[in-house]
Every structure is written in structure tokens, then in C-alpha cells.
Amino acid sequence: MKKIFSIIFITLGATIITLSLHQSEWSEDLSSHLNSEQMLIEAINKDLVELKKNGELPEQWNSIKYITINNEFFESMNLKKELAVVTTIDGQYSLNCTVLNENPTSRDGRYLIKFTINENKSNNQIWEKFRLYNSKKKPLK
């Protein structure tokens, strides 16, 4: 009987130690993932500001009413609210962000995003631009 209790006690202790060691690893992974999200948002916003500054965005950029994002991962990040894009009530256009690589858990942290501006009445596409972002490094062009 004492042997059984000893075995159970040792097994339970080993399990608790193992779980506590892995818990710190899981916490570090989670915090780095959250930092990657913030870095990605920052990279996109810096790029959009730079594109506007360099005159690479069309005049319709100043008349955006809606922003749509086609990716659940990016929607969960609240990217729509965090984007450096000013929307207007009277805007005649919508900005669509299409994430072309559908792997948000990608180890390299790269995301290819297609930005398009469509006219709201006709839904005709007016402009498009492809951008590559890295959530772990500075923006890629």
C-alpha cells in the first residue's frame, strides 16, 4: 500500500513540475504573439503613412467611408479600428484589405495584403496595391 502511494506521489510531483515548466514557455509564446500583432499593426500604419507622404495613394483615399477586412485573425486584432485610415460619413469609397496568405500562425510572420479601393455605388475597383509586411521586423516593400 505504501508503494502505491509513493508511486502516485512521485508521479503527481513529476506532472506538476512538468506542467509548471511548460506553463512559462506557453506564457512567453503568448506574449511574443501579442507583441507580433502590435508590431504588425505598427508596420502597416507606418507604411500607409509613408505611402501617403510620398503621394503613392490615390485622391480617393481621402473619401473612405467603409473599411473591410477579409480575415478572421486580422478582424480579431481590431485592425479596422487601428488602421491609420480616416473614414468619413460622406465617403464615396470603401477600402478593402485582403490577406492573401491565410496562415496567421506562420513562423516567419509575413503577411501579403492586397489593398483595394472600390466605389460604393457601383462597387467598381478604382485602385489596388499589394504590400508585404513582417510582424517580426520592419516593413518589407
Protein backbone atom coordinates (compact mmCIF):
# COMPACT_ATOMS: atom_id res chain seq x y z
CA MET A 1 0.00 0.00 0.00
CA LYS A 2 2.86 2.39 0.85
CA LYS A 3 4.47 1.59 -2.52
CA ILE A 4 1.30 2.57 -4.37
CA PHE A 5 1.06 5.88 -2.51
CA SER A 6 4.76 6.54 -3.14
CA ILE A 7 4.37 5.88 -6.87
CA ILE A 8 1.26 8.11 -7.06
CA PHE A 9 3.00 10.87 -5.10
CA ILE A 10 6.13 10.76 -7.30
CA THR A 11 4.05 10.69 -10.50
CA LEU A 12 1.91 13.59 -9.33
CA GLY A 13 5.00 15.61 -8.37
CA ALA A 14 6.66 14.96 -11.73
CA THR A 15 3.47 16.01 -13.54
CA ILE A 16 3.21 19.26 -11.58
CA ILE A 17 6.86 20.11 -12.26
CA THR A 18 6.48 19.35 -15.97
CA LEU A 19 3.34 21.48 -16.27
CA SER A 20 4.91 24.40 -14.44
CA LEU A 21 7.94 24.32 -16.74
CA HIS A 22 5.78 24.29 -19.87
CA GLN A 23 3.48 26.99 -18.50
CA SER A 24 6.31 29.54 -18.55
CA GLU A 25 7.10 28.57 -22.16
CA TRP A 26 3.42 28.95 -23.14
CA SER A 27 3.28 32.36 -21.46
CA GLU A 28 6.37 33.53 -23.35
CA ASP A 29 4.90 32.29 -26.65
CA LEU A 30 1.65 34.11 -25.95
CA SER A 31 3.35 37.38 -25.06
CA SER A 32 5.57 37.25 -28.15
CA HIS A 33 2.47 36.57 -30.28
CA LEU A 34 0.74 39.64 -28.87
CA ASN A 35 3.86 41.70 -29.49
CA SER A 36 3.91 40.41 -33.07
CA GLU A 37 0.32 41.62 -33.56
CA GLN A 38 1.22 45.08 -32.29
CA MET A 39 4.35 45.11 -34.46
CA LEU A 40 2.26 44.14 -37.49
CA ILE A 41 -0.26 46.93 -36.89
CA GLU A 42 2.59 49.39 -36.41
CA ALA A 43 4.31 48.21 -39.61
CA ILE A 44 1.10 48.57 -41.65
CA ASN A 45 0.38 52.03 -40.26
CA LYS A 46 3.93 53.29 -40.81
CA ASP A 47 3.77 52.02 -44.38
CA LEU A 48 0.40 53.66 -45.07
CA VAL A 49 1.62 56.98 -43.68
CA GLU A 50 4.78 56.72 -45.83
CA LEU A 51 2.74 55.88 -48.95
CA LYS A 52 0.53 58.92 -48.36
CA LYS A 53 3.55 61.16 -47.71
CA ASN A 54 5.17 60.00 -50.97
CA GLY A 55 1.98 60.60 -52.98
CA GLU A 56 1.50 56.90 -53.75
CA LEU A 57 -2.12 56.82 -52.57
CA PRO A 58 -4.95 57.97 -54.85
CA GLU A 59 -7.12 61.01 -54.10
CA GLN A 60 -9.99 58.62 -53.26
CA TRP A 61 -8.02 57.70 -50.12
CA ASN A 62 -9.43 60.86 -48.54
CA SER A 63 -13.03 59.79 -49.18
CA ILE A 64 -13.16 56.35 -47.50
CA LYS A 65 -16.48 55.51 -45.83
CA TYR A 66 -16.02 51.81 -45.06
CA ILE A 67 -13.10 49.52 -44.31
CA THR A 68 -13.46 45.78 -44.80
CA ILE A 69 -11.00 43.07 -43.82
CA ASN A 70 -11.47 39.53 -45.11
CA ASN A 71 -9.53 37.65 -42.47
CA GLU A 72 -10.76 36.43 -39.05
CA PHE A 73 -7.30 36.71 -37.49
CA PHE A 74 -6.99 40.34 -38.55
CA GLU A 75 -10.59 41.06 -37.53
CA SER A 76 -9.84 39.67 -34.06
CA MET A 77 -6.93 42.12 -33.79
CA ASN A 78 -9.38 45.00 -34.35
CA LEU A 79 -7.19 46.06 -37.26
CA LYS A 80 -10.06 48.05 -38.77
CA LYS A 81 -10.04 50.42 -35.78
CA GLU A 82 -6.24 50.52 -35.54
CA LEU A 83 -5.51 51.34 -39.19
CA ALA A 84 -4.13 54.79 -39.93
CA VAL A 85 -7.06 55.48 -42.27
CA VAL A 86 -9.51 58.31 -41.70
CA THR A 87 -13.08 57.39 -42.63
CA THR A 88 -15.74 59.96 -43.46
CA ILE A 89 -19.52 59.73 -43.21
CA ASP A 90 -19.88 61.21 -46.69
CA GLY A 91 -17.17 58.99 -48.19
CA GLN A 92 -17.82 57.59 -51.64
CA TYR A 93 -15.35 54.71 -51.46
CA SER A 94 -14.52 51.63 -49.41
CA LEU A 95 -11.09 50.29 -48.55
CA ASN A 96 -10.81 46.51 -48.74
CA CYS A 97 -7.90 44.68 -47.12
CA THR A 98 -7.43 41.16 -48.41
CA VAL A 99 -4.90 38.94 -46.66
CA LEU A 100 -3.59 36.69 -49.42
CA ASN A 101 -1.61 34.26 -47.29
CA GLU A 102 -4.11 32.66 -44.93
CA ASN A 103 -1.61 31.42 -42.35
CA PRO A 104 -1.71 33.72 -39.30
CA THR A 105 0.43 31.28 -37.28
CA SER A 106 3.23 31.47 -39.80
CA ARG A 107 6.58 31.28 -38.01
CA ASP A 108 8.19 33.90 -40.24
CA GLY A 109 5.41 36.42 -39.52
CA ARG A 110 4.99 37.53 -43.14
CA TYR A 111 1.65 38.69 -44.50
CA LEU A 112 0.84 39.65 -48.07
CA ILE A 113 -2.01 42.16 -48.06
CA LYS A 114 -3.88 43.49 -51.06
CA PHE A 115 -5.42 46.92 -50.53
CA THR A 116 -8.18 47.95 -52.94
CA ILE A 117 -10.43 50.98 -53.13
CA ASN A 118 -13.89 50.43 -54.56
CA GLU A 119 -16.57 52.94 -55.42
CA ASN A 120 -19.51 52.37 -53.05
CA LYS A 121 -22.34 52.89 -55.60
CA SER A 122 -21.02 50.68 -58.39
CA ASN A 123 -18.55 48.52 -56.41
CA ASN A 124 -16.06 49.16 -59.24
CA GLN A 125 -12.45 48.80 -58.22
CA ILE A 126 -10.60 52.12 -58.55
CA TRP A 127 -7.16 51.25 -57.17
CA GLU A 128 -5.13 48.34 -55.81
CA LYS A 129 -1.75 47.85 -54.17
CA PHE A 130 -0.01 44.74 -52.83
CA ARG A 131 2.17 45.07 -49.74
CA LEU A 132 4.27 42.55 -47.83
CA TYR A 133 4.53 43.00 -44.07
CA ASN A 134 6.58 41.21 -41.48
CA SER A 135 5.21 41.22 -37.95
CA LYS A 136 8.66 40.48 -36.55
CA LYS A 137 10.72 43.04 -38.45
CA LYS A 138 10.47 46.42 -40.17
CA PRO A 139 8.00 46.72 -43.12
CA LEU A 140 9.05 44.97 -46.32
CA LYS A 141 8.37 46.52 -49.70
